[in-house]
């Protein structure tokens, strides 16, 4: 079943982009965009948004 997709621009750290590309290869996905869509769908369906986005859970491996 085809779904409507929208192009967006996302800025990520180089190692994050490398990880997405690696997951795409490892799991036989069409590309890193598909890997990101799977992550987003998982977050939407399985994880409470508060768990992801609350200030108590904010973390950045690249910040200070």
N, C-alpha and C. Protein backbone atom coordinates (compact mmCIF):
# COMPACT_ATOMS: atom_id res chain seq x y z
N UNK A 1 0.85 -1.17 0.00
CA UNK A 1 0.00 0.00 0.00
C UNK A 1 0.90 1.24 0.00
N UNK A 2 0.76 2.08 -0.99
CA UNK A 2 1.55 3.31 -1.07
C UNK A 2 0.91 4.39 -0.21
N UNK A 3 1.75 5.12 0.45
CA UNK A 3 1.29 6.24 1.27
C UNK A 3 1.95 7.50 0.75
N UNK A 4 1.31 8.61 1.01
CA UNK A 4 1.86 9.88 0.58
C UNK A 4 3.04 10.24 1.47
N UNK A 5 4.16 10.53 0.87
CA UNK A 5 5.36 10.93 1.60
C UNK A 5 5.64 12.39 1.30
N UNK A 6 6.24 13.06 2.26
CA UNK A 6 6.61 14.46 2.14
C UNK A 6 8.11 14.58 2.37
N UNK A 7 8.77 15.30 1.49
CA UNK A 7 10.20 15.55 1.68
C UNK A 7 10.38 16.62 2.75
N UNK A 8 11.29 16.36 3.68
CA UNK A 8 11.66 17.34 4.69
C UNK A 8 13.18 17.39 4.76
N UNK A 9 13.69 18.43 5.34
CA UNK A 9 15.11 18.55 5.58
C UNK A 9 15.36 18.36 7.06
N UNK A 10 16.25 17.44 7.39
CA UNK A 10 16.58 17.14 8.77
C UNK A 10 18.09 17.28 8.93
N UNK A 11 18.51 18.00 9.93
CA UNK A 11 19.93 18.15 10.20
C UNK A 11 20.28 17.26 11.39
N UNK A 12 21.21 16.35 11.16
CA UNK A 12 21.66 15.44 12.21
C UNK A 12 23.18 15.44 12.26
N UNK A 13 23.71 14.92 13.33
CA UNK A 13 25.16 14.77 13.44
C UNK A 13 25.62 13.69 12.46
N UNK A 14 26.86 13.76 12.03
CA UNK A 14 27.40 12.82 11.06
C UNK A 14 27.30 11.38 11.55
N UNK A 15 27.61 11.15 12.81
CA UNK A 15 27.54 9.77 13.30
C UNK A 15 26.10 9.26 13.35
N UNK A 16 25.13 10.15 13.54
CA UNK A 16 23.73 9.75 13.50
C UNK A 16 23.33 9.34 12.08
N UNK A 17 23.76 10.12 11.11
CA UNK A 17 23.48 9.78 9.71
C UNK A 17 24.15 8.47 9.32
N UNK A 18 25.38 8.28 9.79
CA UNK A 18 26.09 7.03 9.52
C UNK A 18 25.35 5.84 10.13
N UNK A 19 24.84 6.02 11.35
CA UNK A 19 24.12 4.95 12.04
C UNK A 19 22.84 4.60 11.27
N UNK A 20 22.09 5.61 10.82
CA UNK A 20 20.89 5.35 10.04
C UNK A 20 21.21 4.57 8.77
N UNK A 21 22.25 4.98 8.08
CA UNK A 21 22.66 4.30 6.85
C UNK A 21 23.07 2.86 7.14
N UNK A 22 23.78 2.66 8.25
CA UNK A 22 24.20 1.32 8.65
C UNK A 22 23.00 0.43 8.94
N UNK A 23 21.99 0.97 9.61
CA UNK A 23 20.78 0.20 9.91
C UNK A 23 20.05 -0.19 8.63
N UNK A 24 20.01 0.74 7.68
CA UNK A 24 19.36 0.46 6.40
C UNK A 24 20.03 -0.72 5.71
N UNK A 25 21.35 -0.73 5.70
CA UNK A 25 22.09 -1.84 5.07
C UNK A 25 21.87 -3.13 5.86
N UNK A 26 22.04 -3.07 7.16
CA UNK A 26 21.96 -4.26 8.00
C UNK A 26 20.60 -4.94 7.91
N UNK A 27 19.54 -4.15 7.80
CA UNK A 27 18.19 -4.71 7.79
C UNK A 27 17.55 -4.74 6.40
N UNK A 28 18.36 -4.48 5.38
CA UNK A 28 17.89 -4.59 4.01
C UNK A 28 16.82 -3.57 3.64
N UNK A 29 16.92 -2.38 4.23
CA UNK A 29 15.97 -1.32 3.93
C UNK A 29 16.38 -0.60 2.66
N UNK A 30 15.44 0.09 2.05
CA UNK A 30 15.74 0.75 0.78
C UNK A 30 16.74 1.89 0.92
N UNK A 31 16.72 2.58 2.06
CA UNK A 31 17.65 3.69 2.29
C UNK A 31 17.54 4.17 3.74
N UNK A 32 18.36 5.16 4.08
CA UNK A 32 18.35 5.68 5.45
C UNK A 32 17.06 6.41 5.77
N UNK A 33 16.38 6.92 4.75
CA UNK A 33 15.09 7.56 4.96
C UNK A 33 14.08 6.56 5.50
N UNK A 34 14.12 5.33 4.96
CA UNK A 34 13.22 4.28 5.45
C UNK A 34 13.55 3.95 6.90
N UNK A 35 14.83 3.91 7.26
CA UNK A 35 15.22 3.65 8.64
C UNK A 35 14.65 4.71 9.58
N UNK A 36 14.72 5.96 9.16
CA UNK A 36 14.17 7.05 9.98
C UNK A 36 12.66 6.93 10.09
N UNK A 37 11.97 6.60 9.00
CA UNK A 37 10.52 6.45 9.06
C UNK A 37 10.12 5.33 10.02
N UNK A 38 10.89 4.24 10.04
CA UNK A 38 10.61 3.15 10.98
C UNK A 38 10.77 3.64 12.41
N UNK A 39 11.82 4.38 12.70
CA UNK A 39 12.02 4.93 14.05
C UNK A 39 10.87 5.84 14.45
N UNK A 40 10.44 6.70 13.54
CA UNK A 40 9.35 7.62 13.84
C UNK A 40 8.05 6.85 14.09
N UNK A 41 7.76 5.86 13.23
CA UNK A 41 6.55 5.07 13.43
C UNK A 41 6.58 4.33 14.76
N UNK A 42 7.74 3.79 15.13
CA UNK A 42 7.87 3.11 16.42
C UNK A 42 7.59 4.08 17.56
N UNK A 43 8.16 5.28 17.47
CA UNK A 43 7.93 6.28 18.52
C UNK A 43 6.46 6.66 18.61
N UNK A 44 5.81 6.81 17.48
CA UNK A 44 4.39 7.18 17.46
C UNK A 44 3.53 6.10 18.09
N UNK A 45 3.82 4.85 17.76
CA UNK A 45 2.96 3.75 18.19
C UNK A 45 3.30 3.18 19.55
N UNK A 46 4.56 3.23 19.95
CA UNK A 46 4.99 2.47 21.12
C UNK A 46 5.46 3.29 22.32
N UNK A 47 5.80 4.53 22.10
CA UNK A 47 6.44 5.31 23.16
C UNK A 47 5.59 6.54 23.47
N UNK A 48 5.39 6.80 24.74
CA UNK A 48 4.68 8.01 25.16
C UNK A 48 5.54 9.22 24.81
N UNK A 49 4.96 10.22 24.19
CA UNK A 49 5.72 11.41 23.79
C UNK A 49 6.44 12.06 24.96
N UNK A 50 5.84 12.04 26.13
CA UNK A 50 6.49 12.62 27.32
C UNK A 50 7.82 11.93 27.60
N UNK A 51 7.88 10.63 27.37
CA UNK A 51 9.12 9.90 27.58
C UNK A 51 10.22 10.41 26.67
N UNK A 52 9.88 10.74 25.46
CA UNK A 52 10.88 11.19 24.50
C UNK A 52 11.23 12.67 24.68
N UNK A 53 10.21 13.52 24.84
CA UNK A 53 10.43 14.96 24.72
C UNK A 53 10.44 15.74 26.02
N UNK A 54 10.24 15.11 27.16
CA UNK A 54 10.25 15.87 28.41
C UNK A 54 11.66 16.39 28.68
N UNK A 55 11.74 17.52 29.34
CA UNK A 55 13.05 18.11 29.64
C UNK A 55 13.87 17.19 30.53
N UNK A 56 13.22 16.37 31.32
CA UNK A 56 13.95 15.43 32.19
C UNK A 56 14.67 14.36 31.37
N UNK A 57 14.19 14.11 30.16
CA UNK A 57 14.79 13.07 29.33
C UNK A 57 15.63 13.61 28.18
N UNK A 58 15.70 14.93 28.07
CA UNK A 58 16.52 15.51 26.99
C UNK A 58 17.97 15.14 27.20
N UNK A 59 18.58 14.71 26.14
CA UNK A 59 20.00 14.44 26.20
C UNK A 59 20.61 14.63 24.82
N UNK A 60 21.83 15.02 24.84
CA UNK A 60 22.55 15.21 23.58
C UNK A 60 23.96 14.67 23.78
N UNK A 61 24.31 13.66 23.03
CA UNK A 61 25.65 13.10 23.14
C UNK A 61 26.70 14.04 22.58
N UNK A 62 26.26 15.09 21.89
CA UNK A 62 27.19 16.00 21.23
C UNK A 62 27.29 17.38 21.91
N UNK A 63 26.42 17.61 22.88
CA UNK A 63 26.43 18.92 23.56
C UNK A 63 27.37 18.87 24.77
N UNK A 64 28.01 19.97 25.01
CA UNK A 64 28.87 20.19 26.16
C UNK A 64 29.28 19.02 26.88
